[in-house]
Amino acid sequence: TTMTLDRIYITFEGNIALENLFIEDLNTDTLLYSHSLTAYVPIWPVITDGKITVKDLRWEGVRANIYRHEGQDFNYQFLIDAFSSQDTLEVVVADTTSSSTDISIHKVLLSDIYATYHDREGGLSAYVNLGELLIDANETDLDSMKFEVSSALLKNTRFSYEQSKPFPESPESTGMPLPFLTLEDIEVSNVAGVYQSIPDGIKARVDIQDF
């Protein structure tokens, strides 16, 4: 398959830049195109104590298409297979005593993002045309599912979500904390979309001009 990348730039301080990344799936359809991705992730805390802090992330000009036909894998499965280990002799035992990686995200800006998701096997079809999403967070703790956002902005966005089949039953998860979210300042402008769940008999249309 075809994969191209114009430029990648990484410094020891943690500045990362990725320009014009293109990945094609095995059917020669566009799997992912990313015009510009820049981030600031200090490297030293990652090396010393495994703490990942994303101080600033900007992602612009994204096109993503994910789909799965009946009885087939998702169109990104070939990437997972390519990076999966083929060594079946080595058994790695997970260390359950160590804590999970500490991930903290502060400022995120997403703009000009169009993504589609079509899963015929699971009966889910969705798309989002994201104009701009800006999030400035004070605290993000994935272990305790605690998120404190000082400001959030969403504008010029269209979305659609349709579930035509019921979700498969799964064992009830135990010990998972409920998410805690606070928003000090939120702004929504020119956002519209449709949500539909046929198994639940729910259909809603959303049209927010200024909130």
N, C-alpha and C. Protein backbone atom coordinates (compact mmCIF):
# COMPACT_ATOMS: atom_id res chain seq x y z
N THR A 1 0.84 -1.19 0.00
CA THR A 1 0.00 0.00 0.00
C THR A 1 0.88 1.24 0.00
N THR A 2 0.28 2.40 -0.21
CA THR A 2 1.04 3.65 -0.33
C THR A 2 1.02 4.41 0.99
N MET A 3 2.22 4.82 1.44
CA MET A 3 2.37 5.69 2.60
C MET A 3 3.40 6.75 2.26
N THR A 4 3.06 8.01 2.48
CA THR A 4 3.99 9.10 2.18
C THR A 4 4.02 10.07 3.36
N LEU A 5 5.17 10.71 3.53
CA LEU A 5 5.36 11.69 4.59
C LEU A 5 6.34 12.74 4.08
N ASP A 6 5.92 14.00 4.09
CA ASP A 6 6.79 15.07 3.60
C ASP A 6 7.87 15.42 4.60
N ARG A 7 7.50 15.50 5.90
CA ARG A 7 8.47 15.99 6.87
C ARG A 7 8.10 15.54 8.27
N ILE A 8 9.13 15.12 9.04
CA ILE A 8 8.96 14.82 10.45
C ILE A 8 10.11 15.48 11.20
N TYR A 9 9.79 16.10 12.34
CA TYR A 9 10.77 16.88 13.09
C TYR A 9 10.58 16.61 14.56
N ILE A 10 11.63 16.11 15.22
CA ILE A 10 11.56 15.79 16.64
C ILE A 10 12.82 16.32 17.32
N THR A 11 12.66 17.01 18.45
CA THR A 11 13.80 17.48 19.22
C THR A 11 13.80 16.80 20.58
N PHE A 12 14.96 16.82 21.26
CA PHE A 12 15.06 16.22 22.59
C PHE A 12 14.24 16.98 23.62
N GLU A 13 13.91 18.24 23.34
CA GLU A 13 13.07 19.01 24.26
C GLU A 13 11.62 18.55 24.22
N GLY A 14 11.24 17.90 23.12
CA GLY A 14 9.88 17.39 23.03
C GLY A 14 9.03 18.04 21.96
N ASN A 15 9.63 18.88 21.12
CA ASN A 15 8.87 19.46 20.02
C ASN A 15 8.74 18.44 18.89
N ILE A 16 7.52 18.24 18.44
CA ILE A 16 7.23 17.26 17.40
C ILE A 16 6.43 17.94 16.29
N ALA A 17 6.83 17.70 15.04
CA ALA A 17 6.10 18.23 13.90
C ALA A 17 6.00 17.15 12.83
N LEU A 18 4.80 17.00 12.28
CA LEU A 18 4.53 16.00 11.25
C LEU A 18 3.74 16.68 10.15
N GLU A 19 4.24 16.64 8.92
CA GLU A 19 3.60 17.35 7.82
C GLU A 19 3.26 16.41 6.68
N ASN A 20 2.02 16.52 6.21
CA ASN A 20 1.52 15.81 5.03
C ASN A 20 1.78 14.31 5.10
N LEU A 21 1.12 13.68 6.07
CA LEU A 21 1.15 12.23 6.20
C LEU A 21 -0.04 11.64 5.45
N PHE A 22 0.24 10.65 4.59
CA PHE A 22 -0.82 10.01 3.82
C PHE A 22 -0.67 8.50 3.93
N ILE A 23 -1.77 7.81 4.30
CA ILE A 23 -1.79 6.36 4.40
C ILE A 23 -2.99 5.84 3.62
N GLU A 24 -2.72 4.90 2.73
CA GLU A 24 -3.75 4.29 1.90
C GLU A 24 -4.05 2.89 2.42
N ASP A 25 -5.32 2.45 2.36
CA ASP A 25 -5.61 1.09 2.78
C ASP A 25 -5.39 0.13 1.62
N LEU A 26 -5.65 -1.14 1.85
CA LEU A 26 -5.37 -2.16 0.84
C LEU A 26 -6.30 -2.09 -0.36
N ASN A 27 -7.39 -1.32 -0.25
CA ASN A 27 -8.30 -1.12 -1.38
C ASN A 27 -8.02 0.18 -2.11
N THR A 28 -6.84 0.77 -1.85
CA THR A 28 -6.39 2.05 -2.45
C THR A 28 -7.33 3.20 -2.09
N ASP A 29 -8.06 3.08 -0.98
CA ASP A 29 -8.85 4.20 -0.46
C ASP A 29 -8.01 4.96 0.57
N THR A 30 -8.33 6.21 0.78
CA THR A 30 -7.63 7.01 1.78
C THR A 30 -8.02 6.53 3.17
N LEU A 31 -7.05 6.04 3.91
CA LEU A 31 -7.27 5.67 5.30
C LEU A 31 -7.07 6.88 6.21
N LEU A 32 -5.95 7.60 5.99
CA LEU A 32 -5.66 8.78 6.80
C LEU A 32 -4.82 9.76 6.00
N TYR A 33 -5.22 11.03 6.06
CA TYR A 33 -4.38 12.12 5.58
C TYR A 33 -4.33 13.18 6.66
N SER A 34 -3.13 13.60 6.98
CA SER A 34 -2.92 14.63 8.00
C SER A 34 -2.04 15.72 7.42
N HIS A 35 -2.57 16.92 7.34
CA HIS A 35 -1.80 18.03 6.78
C HIS A 35 -0.71 18.50 7.73
N SER A 36 -1.09 18.74 9.00
CA SER A 36 -0.12 19.29 9.94
C SER A 36 -0.46 18.82 11.36
N LEU A 37 0.55 18.27 12.02
CA LEU A 37 0.43 17.87 13.42
C LEU A 37 1.65 18.37 14.17
N THR A 38 1.42 19.22 15.16
CA THR A 38 2.52 19.72 15.99
C THR A 38 2.15 19.49 17.46
N ALA A 39 3.17 19.19 18.25
CA ALA A 39 2.94 18.92 19.67
C ALA A 39 4.19 19.26 20.46
N TYR A 40 3.98 19.55 21.74
CA TYR A 40 5.09 19.76 22.67
C TYR A 40 4.91 18.79 23.82
N VAL A 41 5.78 17.77 23.86
CA VAL A 41 5.73 16.73 24.88
C VAL A 41 7.12 16.62 25.50
N PRO A 42 7.34 17.18 26.68
CA PRO A 42 8.66 17.08 27.32
C PRO A 42 9.13 15.64 27.44
N ILE A 43 10.35 15.36 26.95
CA ILE A 43 10.85 14.00 26.88
C ILE A 43 11.38 13.50 28.22
N TRP A 44 12.06 14.37 28.99
CA TRP A 44 12.73 13.92 30.21
C TRP A 44 11.77 13.28 31.21
N PRO A 45 10.58 13.83 31.48
CA PRO A 45 9.66 13.14 32.40
C PRO A 45 9.22 11.78 31.88
N VAL A 46 9.16 11.61 30.57
CA VAL A 46 8.80 10.30 30.02
C VAL A 46 9.87 9.28 30.31
N ILE A 47 11.15 9.69 30.19
CA ILE A 47 12.27 8.78 30.41
C ILE A 47 12.44 8.45 31.90
N THR A 48 12.32 9.46 32.74
CA THR A 48 12.62 9.26 34.17
C THR A 48 11.50 8.56 34.92
N ASP A 49 10.26 8.99 34.76
CA ASP A 49 9.19 8.40 35.56
C ASP A 49 7.98 7.96 34.74
N GLY A 50 8.11 7.95 33.42
CA GLY A 50 7.02 7.47 32.59
C GLY A 50 5.82 8.40 32.51
N LYS A 51 6.01 9.66 32.86
CA LYS A 51 4.92 10.62 32.83
C LYS A 51 4.87 11.33 31.48
N ILE A 52 3.75 11.20 30.79
CA ILE A 52 3.57 11.83 29.49
C ILE A 52 2.70 13.08 29.67
N THR A 53 3.28 14.23 29.37
CA THR A 53 2.57 15.50 29.49
C THR A 53 2.50 16.17 28.12
N VAL A 54 1.30 16.27 27.59
CA VAL A 54 1.08 16.95 26.32
C VAL A 54 0.69 18.39 26.64
N LYS A 55 1.69 19.29 26.54
CA LYS A 55 1.43 20.68 26.91
C LYS A 55 0.68 21.43 25.81
N ASP A 56 0.95 21.07 24.56
CA ASP A 56 0.28 21.76 23.46
C ASP A 56 0.21 20.81 22.26
N LEU A 57 -1.01 20.62 21.73
CA LEU A 57 -1.22 19.75 20.58
C LEU A 57 -2.09 20.47 19.57
N ARG A 58 -1.63 20.55 18.33
CA ARG A 58 -2.38 21.18 17.26
C ARG A 58 -2.41 20.24 16.05
N TRP A 59 -3.64 19.91 15.62
CA TRP A 59 -3.83 18.98 14.51
C TRP A 59 -4.77 19.63 13.51
N GLU A 60 -4.30 19.78 12.27
CA GLU A 60 -5.04 20.54 11.26
C GLU A 60 -5.08 19.78 9.94
N GLY A 61 -6.24 19.85 9.28
CA GLY A 61 -6.38 19.27 7.95
C GLY A 61 -6.31 17.76 7.93
N VAL A 62 -7.30 17.10 8.56
CA VAL A 62 -7.30 15.65 8.68
C VAL A 62 -8.47 15.06 7.88
N ARG A 63 -8.17 13.98 7.16
CA ARG A 63 -9.20 13.20 6.47
C ARG A 63 -9.00 11.74 6.86
N ALA A 64 -10.01 11.14 7.47
CA ALA A 64 -9.90 9.76 7.92
C ALA A 64 -11.15 9.00 7.51
N ASN A 65 -10.95 7.78 7.00
CA ASN A 65 -12.05 6.94 6.56
C ASN A 65 -11.84 5.53 7.10
N ILE A 66 -12.72 5.12 8.01
CA ILE A 66 -12.64 3.80 8.62
C ILE A 66 -13.93 3.05 8.29
N TYR A 67 -13.78 1.82 7.80
CA TYR A 67 -14.97 1.04 7.46
C TYR A 67 -14.69 -0.44 7.61
N ARG A 68 -15.79 -1.19 7.74
CA ARG A 68 -15.73 -2.65 7.82
C ARG A 68 -16.97 -3.22 7.18
N HIS A 69 -16.80 -4.13 6.22
CA HIS A 69 -17.91 -4.80 5.58
C HIS A 69 -18.31 -6.04 6.38
N GLU A 70 -19.45 -6.61 6.03
CA GLU A 70 -19.93 -7.80 6.73
C GLU A 70 -18.91 -8.93 6.63
N GLY A 71 -18.57 -9.51 7.78
CA GLY A 71 -17.68 -10.65 7.80
C GLY A 71 -16.22 -10.34 7.50
N GLN A 72 -15.84 -9.06 7.51
CA GLN A 72 -14.47 -8.67 7.21
C GLN A 72 -13.88 -7.85 8.35
N ASP A 73 -12.55 -7.64 8.27
CA ASP A 73 -11.87 -6.80 9.25
C ASP A 73 -12.00 -5.33 8.86
N PHE A 74 -11.68 -4.45 9.82
CA PHE A 74 -11.61 -3.03 9.51
C PHE A 74 -10.48 -2.77 8.51
N ASN A 75 -10.60 -1.69 7.78
CA ASN A 75 -9.61 -1.41 6.73
C ASN A 75 -8.25 -0.99 7.29
N TYR A 76 -8.14 -0.80 8.62
CA TYR A 76 -6.85 -0.49 9.22
C TYR A 76 -6.18 -1.73 9.82
N GLN A 77 -6.80 -2.90 9.71
CA GLN A 77 -6.29 -4.11 10.36
C GLN A 77 -4.90 -4.47 9.86
N PHE A 78 -4.59 -4.15 8.60
CA PHE A 78 -3.27 -4.51 8.06
C PHE A 78 -2.15 -3.79 8.79
N LEU A 79 -2.42 -2.61 9.32
CA LEU A 79 -1.40 -1.91 10.09
C LEU A 79 -1.14 -2.61 11.42
N ILE A 80 -2.20 -3.07 12.08
CA ILE A 80 -2.04 -3.80 13.33
C ILE A 80 -1.28 -5.10 13.09
N ASP A 81 -1.62 -5.78 12.01
CA ASP A 81 -0.93 -7.04 11.69
C ASP A 81 0.54 -6.80 11.39
N ALA A 82 0.85 -5.69 10.73
CA ALA A 82 2.23 -5.41 10.34
C ALA A 82 3.12 -5.18 11.55
N PHE A 83 2.57 -4.58 12.61
CA PHE A 83 3.37 -4.26 13.78
C PHE A 83 3.20 -5.27 14.91
N SER A 84 2.41 -6.32 14.69
CA SER A 84 2.24 -7.36 15.70
C SER A 84 3.44 -8.29 15.67
N SER A 85 3.81 -8.78 16.84
CA SER A 85 4.93 -9.69 16.95
C SER A 85 4.58 -11.04 16.36
N GLN A 86 5.50 -11.60 15.58
CA GLN A 86 5.30 -12.92 15.00
C GLN A 86 5.94 -14.03 15.84
N ASP A 87 6.61 -13.64 16.92
CA ASP A 87 7.30 -14.61 17.77
C ASP A 87 6.30 -15.20 18.77
N THR A 88 5.95 -16.48 18.57
CA THR A 88 4.98 -17.12 19.44
C THR A 88 5.64 -17.88 20.58
N LEU A 89 7.00 -17.89 20.62
CA LEU A 89 7.70 -18.65 21.65
C LEU A 89 7.88 -17.86 22.92
N GLU A 90 7.97 -16.54 22.80
CA GLU A 90 8.22 -15.70 23.96
C GLU A 90 6.91 -15.29 24.60
N VAL A 91 6.81 -15.50 25.89
CA VAL A 91 5.62 -15.14 26.65
C VAL A 91 5.99 -13.99 27.58
N VAL A 92 5.29 -12.87 27.43
CA VAL A 92 5.55 -11.70 28.25
C VAL A 92 4.47 -11.62 29.32
N VAL A 93 4.89 -11.64 30.57
CA VAL A 93 3.95 -11.55 31.69
C VAL A 93 3.85 -10.10 32.12
N ALA A 94 2.63 -9.59 32.13
CA ALA A 94 2.42 -8.19 32.50
C ALA A 94 2.66 -7.99 33.98
N ASP A 95 3.28 -6.85 34.31
CA ASP A 95 3.54 -6.50 35.70
C ASP A 95 2.32 -5.79 36.25
N THR A 96 1.53 -6.51 37.02
CA THR A 96 0.28 -5.94 37.55
C THR A 96 0.51 -5.10 38.78
N THR A 97 1.74 -5.11 39.31
CA THR A 97 2.02 -4.33 40.53
C THR A 97 2.35 -2.89 40.20
N SER A 98 2.85 -2.61 38.99
CA SER A 98 3.22 -1.25 38.63
C SER A 98 2.00 -0.47 38.22
N SER A 99 2.06 0.83 38.43
CA SER A 99 0.95 1.69 38.08
C SER A 99 0.95 1.97 36.59
N SER A 100 -0.19 2.37 36.06
CA SER A 100 -0.29 2.67 34.64
C SER A 100 0.40 3.99 34.34
N THR A 101 0.65 4.20 33.05
CA THR A 101 1.35 5.39 32.63
C THR A 101 0.54 6.64 32.95
N ASP A 102 1.20 7.63 33.48
CA ASP A 102 0.55 8.89 33.84
C ASP A 102 0.52 9.78 32.61
N ILE A 103 -0.67 10.09 32.12
CA ILE A 103 -0.85 10.92 30.93
C ILE A 103 -1.60 12.19 31.31
N SER A 104 -1.05 13.33 30.95
CA SER A 104 -1.67 14.62 31.24
C SER A 104 -1.73 15.43 29.94
N ILE A 105 -2.91 15.99 29.66
CA ILE A 105 -3.10 16.79 28.45
C ILE A 105 -3.58 18.17 28.86
N HIS A 106 -2.93 19.19 28.32
CA HIS A 106 -3.28 20.56 28.70
C HIS A 106 -4.05 21.29 27.59
N LYS A 107 -3.40 21.66 26.52
CA LYS A 107 -4.05 22.45 25.48
C LYS A 107 -4.10 21.68 24.17
N VAL A 108 -5.31 21.60 23.57
CA VAL A 108 -5.51 20.87 22.33
C VAL A 108 -6.32 21.73 21.37
N LEU A 109 -5.84 21.83 20.14
CA LEU A 109 -6.56 22.56 19.09
C LEU A 109 -6.68 21.64 17.87
N LEU A 110 -7.93 21.32 17.51
CA LEU A 110 -8.23 20.52 16.32
C LEU A 110 -9.01 21.38 15.35
N SER A 111 -8.62 21.37 14.07
CA SER A 111 -9.31 22.20 13.09
C SER A 111 -9.31 21.51 11.73
N ASP A 112 -10.38 21.74 10.98
CA ASP A 112 -10.54 21.21 9.62
C ASP A 112 -10.34 19.70 9.60
N ILE A 113 -11.21 19.00 10.32
CA ILE A 113 -11.10 17.54 10.43
C ILE A 113 -12.40 16.91 9.93
N TYR A 114 -12.25 16.00 8.98
CA TYR A 114 -13.41 15.28 8.44
C TYR A 114 -13.13 13.78 8.56
N ALA A 115 -13.97 13.07 9.28
CA ALA A 115 -13.76 11.65 9.51
C ALA A 115 -15.07 10.90 9.33
N THR A 116 -14.98 9.72 8.70
CA THR A 116 -16.15 8.86 8.51
C THR A 116 -15.87 7.50 9.13
N TYR A 117 -16.94 6.87 9.64
CA TYR A 117 -16.84 5.56 10.27
C TYR A 117 -18.07 4.75 9.86
N HIS A 118 -17.84 3.68 9.11
CA HIS A 118 -18.94 2.83 8.65
C HIS A 118 -18.63 1.38 9.01
N ASP A 119 -19.42 0.83 9.92
CA ASP A 119 -19.24 -0.54 10.38
C ASP A 119 -20.52 -1.32 10.08
N ARG A 120 -20.54 -2.00 8.94
CA ARG A 120 -21.72 -2.76 8.56
C ARG A 120 -21.92 -3.97 9.48
N GLU A 121 -20.82 -4.52 9.97
CA GLU A 121 -20.90 -5.67 10.87
C GLU A 121 -21.57 -5.27 12.18
N GLY A 122 -21.18 -4.13 12.72
CA GLY A 122 -21.74 -3.68 13.99
C GLY A 122 -22.96 -2.79 13.85
N GLY A 123 -23.28 -2.37 12.62
CA GLY A 123 -24.46 -1.55 12.41
C GLY A 123 -24.30 -0.11 12.86
N LEU A 124 -23.09 0.43 12.74
CA LEU A 124 -22.83 1.80 13.17
C LEU A 124 -22.28 2.61 12.01
N SER A 125 -22.87 3.78 11.78
CA SER A 125 -22.41 4.68 10.73
C SER A 125 -22.36 6.09 11.31
N ALA A 126 -21.21 6.76 11.13
CA ALA A 126 -21.05 8.09 11.72
C ALA A 126 -20.06 8.90 10.90
N TYR A 127 -20.20 10.22 11.01
CA TYR A 127 -19.21 11.11 10.43
C TYR A 127 -19.17 12.40 11.25
N VAL A 128 -18.04 13.08 11.17
CA VAL A 128 -17.92 14.38 11.81
C VAL A 128 -17.13 15.30 10.89
N ASN A 129 -17.64 16.49 10.71
CA ASN A 129 -16.95 17.55 9.97
C ASN A 129 -16.66 18.66 10.98
N LEU A 130 -15.46 18.59 11.54
CA LEU A 130 -15.10 19.46 12.66
C LEU A 130 -14.41 20.72 12.15
N GLY A 131 -15.04 21.86 12.42
CA GLY A 131 -14.42 23.12 12.03
C GLY A 131 -13.30 23.50 12.96
N GLU A 132 -13.62 23.59 14.26
CA GLU A 132 -12.59 23.94 15.25
C GLU A 132 -13.01 23.47 16.63
N LEU A 133 -12.08 22.83 17.33
CA LEU A 133 -12.28 22.41 18.72
C LEU A 133 -11.05 22.81 19.50
N LEU A 134 -11.25 23.64 20.52
CA LEU A 134 -10.16 24.11 21.37
C LEU A 134 -10.46 23.73 22.81
N ILE A 135 -9.52 23.03 23.44
CA ILE A 135 -9.67 22.61 24.82
C ILE A 135 -8.44 23.03 25.60
N ASP A 136 -8.66 23.70 26.73
CA ASP A 136 -7.58 24.09 27.63
C ASP A 136 -7.90 23.49 29.00
N ALA A 137 -7.13 22.47 29.39
CA ALA A 137 -7.46 21.70 30.59
C ALA A 137 -6.50 22.02 31.73
N ASN A 138 -7.05 22.02 32.94
CA ASN A 138 -6.23 22.17 34.13
C ASN A 138 -5.71 20.83 34.63
N GLU A 139 -6.56 19.79 34.52
CA GLU A 139 -6.17 18.48 35.00
C GLU A 139 -6.83 17.40 34.16
N THR A 140 -6.05 16.39 33.78
CA THR A 140 -6.58 15.21 33.11
C THR A 140 -5.95 13.98 33.75
N ASP A 141 -6.75 13.23 34.45
CA ASP A 141 -6.29 12.03 35.15
C ASP A 141 -7.08 10.85 34.61
N LEU A 142 -6.43 10.04 33.75
CA LEU A 142 -7.12 8.92 33.13
C LEU A 142 -7.37 7.78 34.10
N ASP A 143 -6.51 7.65 35.12
CA ASP A 143 -6.70 6.57 36.10
C ASP A 143 -7.98 6.76 36.90
N SER A 144 -8.20 7.97 37.38
CA SER A 144 -9.40 8.26 38.16
C SER A 144 -10.53 8.84 37.31
N MET A 145 -10.28 8.97 35.99
CA MET A 145 -11.28 9.53 35.06
C MET A 145 -11.75 10.91 35.51
N LYS A 146 -10.78 11.74 35.90
CA LYS A 146 -11.10 13.09 36.35
C LYS A 146 -10.58 14.09 35.34
N PHE A 147 -11.46 14.97 34.87
CA PHE A 147 -11.11 15.94 33.84
C PHE A 147 -11.63 17.32 34.26
N GLU A 148 -10.71 18.25 34.41
CA GLU A 148 -11.07 19.62 34.75
C GLU A 148 -10.63 20.53 33.60
N VAL A 149 -11.60 21.12 32.92
CA VAL A 149 -11.35 21.93 31.73
C VAL A 149 -11.64 23.39 32.06
N SER A 150 -10.64 24.23 31.84
CA SER A 150 -10.83 25.66 32.13
C SER A 150 -11.63 26.33 31.02
N SER A 151 -11.44 25.91 29.76
CA SER A 151 -12.19 26.49 28.66
C SER A 151 -12.28 25.50 27.52
N ALA A 152 -13.41 25.55 26.81
CA ALA A 152 -13.64 24.69 25.65
C ALA A 152 -14.43 25.46 24.61
N LEU A 153 -14.04 25.30 23.35
CA LEU A 153 -14.69 25.99 22.24
C LEU A 153 -14.94 25.01 21.12
N LEU A 154 -16.17 24.95 20.63
CA LEU A 154 -16.54 24.11 19.49
C LEU A 154 -17.37 24.95 18.53
N LYS A 155 -16.93 25.02 17.27
CA LYS A 155 -17.67 25.83 16.31
C LYS A 155 -17.54 25.26 14.90
N ASN A 156 -18.53 25.65 14.07
CA ASN A 156 -18.55 25.28 12.65
C ASN A 156 -18.39 23.77 12.45
N THR A 157 -19.29 23.01 13.08
CA THR A 157 -19.16 21.56 13.09
C THR A 157 -20.48 20.92 12.69
N ARG A 158 -20.36 19.82 11.91
CA ARG A 158 -21.50 19.00 11.53
C ARG A 158 -21.18 17.55 11.88
N PHE A 159 -22.21 16.81 12.34
CA PHE A 159 -21.97 15.43 12.72
C PHE A 159 -23.22 14.59 12.47
N SER A 160 -23.01 13.27 12.37
CA SER A 160 -24.10 12.33 12.21
C SER A 160 -23.72 11.02 12.89
N TYR A 161 -24.67 10.43 13.59
CA TYR A 161 -24.46 9.16 14.29
C TYR A 161 -25.72 8.32 14.12
N GLU A 162 -25.56 7.10 13.58
CA GLU A 162 -26.71 6.21 13.39
C GLU A 162 -26.32 4.79 13.78
N GLN A 163 -27.07 4.24 14.73
CA GLN A 163 -26.88 2.86 15.18
C GLN A 163 -28.08 2.05 14.74
N SER A 164 -27.85 1.09 13.83
CA SER A 164 -28.96 0.30 13.29
C SER A 164 -29.09 -1.07 13.94
N LYS A 165 -28.07 -1.51 14.68
CA LYS A 165 -28.11 -2.80 15.36
C LYS A 165 -27.81 -2.60 16.84
N PRO A 166 -28.37 -3.44 17.69
CA PRO A 166 -28.04 -3.32 19.13
C PRO A 166 -26.59 -3.70 19.37
N PHE A 167 -25.98 -3.04 20.36
CA PHE A 167 -24.61 -3.38 20.73
C PHE A 167 -24.57 -4.79 21.32
N PRO A 168 -23.52 -5.56 21.01
CA PRO A 168 -23.41 -6.90 21.60
C PRO A 168 -23.25 -6.82 23.11
N GLU A 169 -23.84 -7.79 23.81
CA GLU A 169 -23.74 -7.82 25.26
C GLU A 169 -22.31 -8.11 25.68
N SER A 170 -21.86 -7.41 26.70
CA SER A 170 -20.51 -7.59 27.22
C SER A 170 -20.59 -7.75 28.73
N PRO A 171 -19.64 -8.47 29.31
CA PRO A 171 -19.64 -8.62 30.78
C PRO A 171 -19.53 -7.26 31.46
N GLU A 172 -20.25 -7.11 32.56
CA GLU A 172 -20.21 -5.85 33.28
C GLU A 172 -18.82 -5.63 33.85
N SER A 173 -18.31 -4.42 33.63
CA SER A 173 -16.99 -4.08 34.15
C SER A 173 -17.11 -3.69 35.61
N THR A 174 -16.14 -4.12 36.40
CA THR A 174 -16.14 -3.82 37.83
C THR A 174 -14.93 -2.98 38.17
N GLY A 175 -15.09 -2.11 39.13
CA GLY A 175 -13.96 -1.32 39.59
C GLY A 175 -13.64 -0.12 38.72
N MET A 176 -14.44 0.17 37.71
CA MET A 176 -14.18 1.31 36.85
C MET A 176 -14.85 2.54 37.43
N PRO A 177 -14.08 3.61 37.68
CA PRO A 177 -14.70 4.82 38.25
C PRO A 177 -15.54 5.54 37.21
N LEU A 178 -16.59 6.18 37.68
CA LEU A 178 -17.39 7.01 36.80
C LEU A 178 -16.61 8.28 36.46
N PRO A 179 -16.74 8.80 35.24
CA PRO A 179 -15.99 10.00 34.86
C PRO A 179 -16.47 11.22 35.62
N PHE A 180 -15.52 12.09 35.95
CA PHE A 180 -15.81 13.36 36.62
C PHE A 180 -15.33 14.48 35.70
N LEU A 181 -16.24 15.36 35.32
CA LEU A 181 -15.93 16.42 34.36
C LEU A 181 -16.42 17.76 34.86
N THR A 182 -15.54 18.76 34.84
CA THR A 182 -15.95 20.13 35.13
C THR A 182 -15.54 21.03 33.97
N LEU A 183 -16.40 21.96 33.63
CA LEU A 183 -16.15 22.94 32.56
C LEU A 183 -16.35 24.33 33.14
N GLU A 184 -15.29 25.10 33.21
CA GLU A 184 -15.41 26.45 33.75
C GLU A 184 -16.00 27.42 32.72
N ASP A 185 -15.64 27.22 31.46
CA ASP A 185 -16.12 28.12 30.42
C ASP A 185 -16.26 27.33 29.13
N ILE A 186 -17.46 27.32 28.53
CA ILE A 186 -17.70 26.57 27.31
C ILE A 186 -18.45 27.44 26.31
N GLU A 187 -18.07 27.33 25.06
CA GLU A 187 -18.71 28.09 23.98
C GLU A 187 -18.96 27.18 22.79
N VAL A 188 -20.21 27.19 22.30
CA VAL A 188 -20.61 26.39 21.14
C VAL A 188 -21.23 27.32 20.11
N SER A 189 -20.76 27.24 18.87
CA SER A 189 -21.23 28.14 17.82
C SER A 189 -21.34 27.39 16.50
N ASN A 190 -22.53 27.47 15.90
CA ASN A 190 -22.78 26.89 14.58
C ASN A 190 -22.46 25.39 14.55
N VAL A 191 -23.19 24.64 15.38
CA VAL A 191 -23.01 23.19 15.47
C VAL A 191 -24.35 22.52 15.21
N ALA A 192 -24.37 21.55 14.29
CA ALA A 192 -25.60 20.85 13.95
C ALA A 192 -25.30 19.40 13.64
N GLY A 193 -26.29 18.54 13.93
CA GLY A 193 -26.09 17.13 13.64
C GLY A 193 -27.33 16.31 13.94
N VAL A 194 -27.20 15.01 13.68
CA VAL A 194 -28.30 14.07 13.87
C VAL A 194 -27.79 12.88 14.66
N TYR A 195 -28.57 12.46 15.66
CA TYR A 195 -28.30 11.25 16.43
C TYR A 195 -29.49 10.32 16.30
N GLN A 196 -29.23 9.06 15.95
CA GLN A 196 -30.31 8.10 15.81
C GLN A 196 -29.86 6.72 16.27
N SER A 197 -30.67 6.12 17.13
CA SER A 197 -30.47 4.75 17.58
C SER A 197 -31.75 3.98 17.31
N ILE A 198 -31.74 3.18 16.24
CA ILE A 198 -32.94 2.44 15.85
C ILE A 198 -33.34 1.41 16.90
N PRO A 199 -32.40 0.64 17.50
CA PRO A 199 -32.82 -0.32 18.53
C PRO A 199 -33.48 0.33 19.73
N ASP A 200 -33.06 1.55 20.08
CA ASP A 200 -33.64 2.25 21.24
C ASP A 200 -34.82 3.14 20.86
N GLY A 201 -35.07 3.28 19.56
CA GLY A 201 -36.17 4.14 19.13
C GLY A 201 -35.95 5.61 19.43
N ILE A 202 -34.70 6.06 19.31
CA ILE A 202 -34.36 7.45 19.62
C ILE A 202 -33.83 8.14 18.37
N LYS A 203 -34.32 9.33 18.13
CA LYS A 203 -33.81 10.15 17.04
C LYS A 203 -33.84 11.60 17.47
N ALA A 204 -32.75 12.29 17.28
CA ALA A 204 -32.66 13.70 17.71
C ALA A 204 -31.89 14.50 16.67
N ARG A 205 -32.35 15.73 16.50
CA ARG A 205 -31.64 16.68 15.65
C ARG A 205 -31.14 17.83 16.52
N VAL A 206 -29.90 18.21 16.30
CA VAL A 206 -29.28 19.27 17.10
C VAL A 206 -28.89 20.41 16.17
N ASP A 207 -29.24 21.62 16.56
CA ASP A 207 -28.86 22.81 15.79
C ASP A 207 -28.62 23.95 16.77
N ILE A 208 -27.36 24.22 17.05
CA ILE A 208 -26.98 25.26 18.01
C ILE A 208 -26.27 26.37 17.27
N GLN A 209 -26.83 27.55 17.30
CA GLN A 209 -26.20 28.69 16.64
C GLN A 209 -25.23 29.42 17.57
N ASP A 210 -25.66 29.63 18.81
CA ASP A 210 -24.79 30.34 19.75
C ASP A 210 -25.14 29.94 21.16
N PHE A 211 -24.16 29.34 21.86
CA PHE A 211 -24.40 28.90 23.23
C PHE A 211 -23.18 29.24 24.07
